[in-house]
Amino acid sequence: MSTSHPLHVTAEDVQFYRDHGYFVYQHPLFSVEKFQCLQAFFAGLLADLPAGIR
């Protein structure tokens, strides 16, 4: 897997989590290609649902 940004958090991020109980990662988790593939997959799942269920 190649990414343009390494997945890591800083000591400050860890402390924020300890202080507040949550942390929001501010960088993409997936490459653009992988995200587009996942997005298309879930759009297909939604499109296959019966009318009125979406």
N, C-alpha and C. Protein backbone atom coordinates (compact mmCIF):
# COMPACT_ATOMS: atom_id res chain seq x y z
N MET A 1 0.84 -1.17 0.00
CA MET A 1 0.00 0.00 0.00
C MET A 1 0.88 1.23 0.00
N SER A 2 0.67 2.12 -0.93
CA SER A 2 1.43 3.36 -0.92
C SER A 2 0.50 4.52 -0.60
N THR A 3 0.96 5.39 0.27
CA THR A 3 0.17 6.55 0.65
C THR A 3 1.02 7.79 0.51
N SER A 4 0.36 8.91 0.31
CA SER A 4 1.10 10.15 0.22
C SER A 4 1.36 10.74 1.61
N HIS A 5 0.68 10.25 2.61
CA HIS A 5 0.85 10.74 3.97
C HIS A 5 0.91 9.54 4.91
N PRO A 6 1.97 9.42 5.68
CA PRO A 6 2.05 8.29 6.60
C PRO A 6 0.97 8.39 7.68
N LEU A 7 0.43 7.27 8.06
CA LEU A 7 -0.58 7.26 9.11
C LEU A 7 0.12 7.27 10.46
N HIS A 8 0.07 8.41 11.11
CA HIS A 8 0.67 8.51 12.44
C HIS A 8 -0.01 9.62 13.22
N VAL A 9 0.12 9.56 14.51
CA VAL A 9 -0.37 10.63 15.38
C VAL A 9 0.79 11.11 16.24
N THR A 10 0.70 12.33 16.65
CA THR A 10 1.76 12.92 17.46
C THR A 10 1.45 12.74 18.94
N ALA A 11 2.42 13.05 19.76
CA ALA A 11 2.22 13.01 21.21
C ALA A 11 1.11 13.99 21.61
N GLU A 12 1.03 15.12 20.92
CA GLU A 12 -0.03 16.11 21.19
C GLU A 12 -1.40 15.53 20.84
N ASP A 13 -1.46 14.76 19.76
CA ASP A 13 -2.72 14.12 19.37
C ASP A 13 -3.17 13.14 20.45
N VAL A 14 -2.24 12.37 20.98
CA VAL A 14 -2.55 11.40 22.02
C VAL A 14 -3.04 12.13 23.27
N GLN A 15 -2.39 13.21 23.62
CA GLN A 15 -2.80 13.96 24.80
C GLN A 15 -4.19 14.57 24.60
N PHE A 16 -4.47 15.05 23.39
CA PHE A 16 -5.80 15.59 23.10
C PHE A 16 -6.85 14.50 23.32
N TYR A 17 -6.57 13.29 22.83
CA TYR A 17 -7.49 12.17 23.03
C TYR A 17 -7.69 11.89 24.52
N ARG A 18 -6.63 11.88 25.27
CA ARG A 18 -6.72 11.61 26.71
C ARG A 18 -7.53 12.69 27.43
N ASP A 19 -7.37 13.93 26.98
CA ASP A 19 -8.07 15.05 27.62
C ASP A 19 -9.54 15.11 27.23
N HIS A 20 -9.85 14.80 25.97
CA HIS A 20 -11.20 15.04 25.45
C HIS A 20 -11.98 13.77 25.11
N GLY A 21 -11.31 12.64 25.02
CA GLY A 21 -11.99 11.39 24.75
C GLY A 21 -12.28 11.12 23.29
N TYR A 22 -11.78 11.96 22.41
CA TYR A 22 -11.92 11.72 20.97
C TYR A 22 -10.76 12.36 20.23
N PHE A 23 -10.58 11.96 18.99
CA PHE A 23 -9.54 12.53 18.14
C PHE A 23 -10.02 12.41 16.70
N VAL A 24 -9.87 13.48 15.93
CA VAL A 24 -10.25 13.49 14.52
C VAL A 24 -8.98 13.55 13.69
N TYR A 25 -8.73 12.46 12.94
CA TYR A 25 -7.54 12.41 12.08
C TYR A 25 -7.78 13.29 10.87
N GLN A 26 -6.88 14.22 10.58
CA GLN A 26 -7.10 15.25 9.57
C GLN A 26 -6.52 14.93 8.20
N HIS A 27 -6.12 13.71 7.96
CA HIS A 27 -5.52 13.35 6.68
C HIS A 27 -6.31 12.21 6.04
N PRO A 28 -6.27 12.10 4.73
CA PRO A 28 -6.99 10.99 4.08
C PRO A 28 -6.45 9.64 4.54
N LEU A 29 -7.36 8.69 4.74
CA LEU A 29 -6.95 7.35 5.14
C LEU A 29 -6.67 6.47 3.93
N PHE A 30 -7.26 6.81 2.78
CA PHE A 30 -7.12 6.01 1.56
C PHE A 30 -6.59 6.86 0.43
N SER A 31 -5.95 6.22 -0.53
CA SER A 31 -5.55 6.92 -1.74
C SER A 31 -6.81 7.34 -2.49
N VAL A 32 -6.69 8.29 -3.40
CA VAL A 32 -7.84 8.75 -4.19
C VAL A 32 -8.47 7.57 -4.93
N GLU A 33 -7.64 6.72 -5.52
CA GLU A 33 -8.15 5.58 -6.28
C GLU A 33 -8.93 4.62 -5.38
N LYS A 34 -8.40 4.31 -4.23
CA LYS A 34 -9.06 3.39 -3.30
C LYS A 34 -10.37 4.01 -2.81
N PHE A 35 -10.36 5.29 -2.49
CA PHE A 35 -11.57 5.96 -2.03
C PHE A 35 -12.65 5.95 -3.10
N GLN A 36 -12.28 6.20 -4.35
CA GLN A 36 -13.25 6.18 -5.45
C GLN A 36 -13.84 4.78 -5.62
N CYS A 37 -13.03 3.76 -5.47
CA CYS A 37 -13.51 2.39 -5.56
C CYS A 37 -14.51 2.09 -4.44
N LEU A 38 -14.19 2.47 -3.23
CA LEU A 38 -15.10 2.26 -2.10
C LEU A 38 -16.39 3.06 -2.28
N GLN A 39 -16.27 4.28 -2.75
CA GLN A 39 -17.43 5.14 -2.97
C GLN A 39 -18.36 4.51 -4.01
N ALA A 40 -17.80 3.99 -5.09
CA ALA A 40 -18.60 3.35 -6.13
C ALA A 40 -19.27 2.08 -5.59
N PHE A 41 -18.56 1.32 -4.79
CA PHE A 41 -19.11 0.10 -4.20
C PHE A 41 -20.34 0.42 -3.35
N PHE A 42 -20.22 1.40 -2.45
CA PHE A 42 -21.34 1.73 -1.57
C PHE A 42 -22.47 2.42 -2.32
N ALA A 43 -22.16 3.18 -3.35
CA ALA A 43 -23.22 3.77 -4.18
C ALA A 43 -24.01 2.65 -4.85
N GLY A 44 -23.33 1.59 -5.28
CA GLY A 44 -24.01 0.44 -5.86
C GLY A 44 -24.91 -0.26 -4.87
N LEU A 45 -24.45 -0.39 -3.63
CA LEU A 45 -25.29 -1.00 -2.60
C LEU A 45 -26.56 -0.18 -2.38
N LEU A 46 -26.41 1.13 -2.32
CA LEU A 46 -27.57 2.00 -2.14
C LEU A 46 -28.52 1.92 -3.34
N ALA A 47 -27.97 1.88 -4.52
CA ALA A 47 -28.80 1.83 -5.73
C ALA A 47 -29.59 0.53 -5.79
N ASP A 48 -29.09 -0.54 -5.21
CA ASP A 48 -29.77 -1.84 -5.24
C ASP A 48 -30.86 -1.98 -4.19
N LEU A 49 -30.97 -1.03 -3.28
CA LEU A 49 -32.01 -1.11 -2.25
C LEU A 49 -33.39 -0.87 -2.87
N PRO A 50 -34.41 -1.51 -2.33
CA PRO A 50 -35.77 -1.29 -2.83
C PRO A 50 -36.22 0.17 -2.63
N ALA A 51 -37.12 0.60 -3.47
CA ALA A 51 -37.66 1.97 -3.36
C ALA A 51 -38.23 2.18 -1.97
N GLY A 52 -37.99 3.36 -1.41
CA GLY A 52 -38.49 3.71 -0.10
C GLY A 52 -37.62 3.25 1.05
N ILE A 53 -36.59 2.49 0.81
CA ILE A 53 -35.70 2.01 1.88
C ILE A 53 -34.51 2.94 2.04
N ARG A 54 -34.09 3.54 0.95
CA ARG A 54 -32.96 4.46 0.99
C ARG A 54 -33.32 5.60 1.85
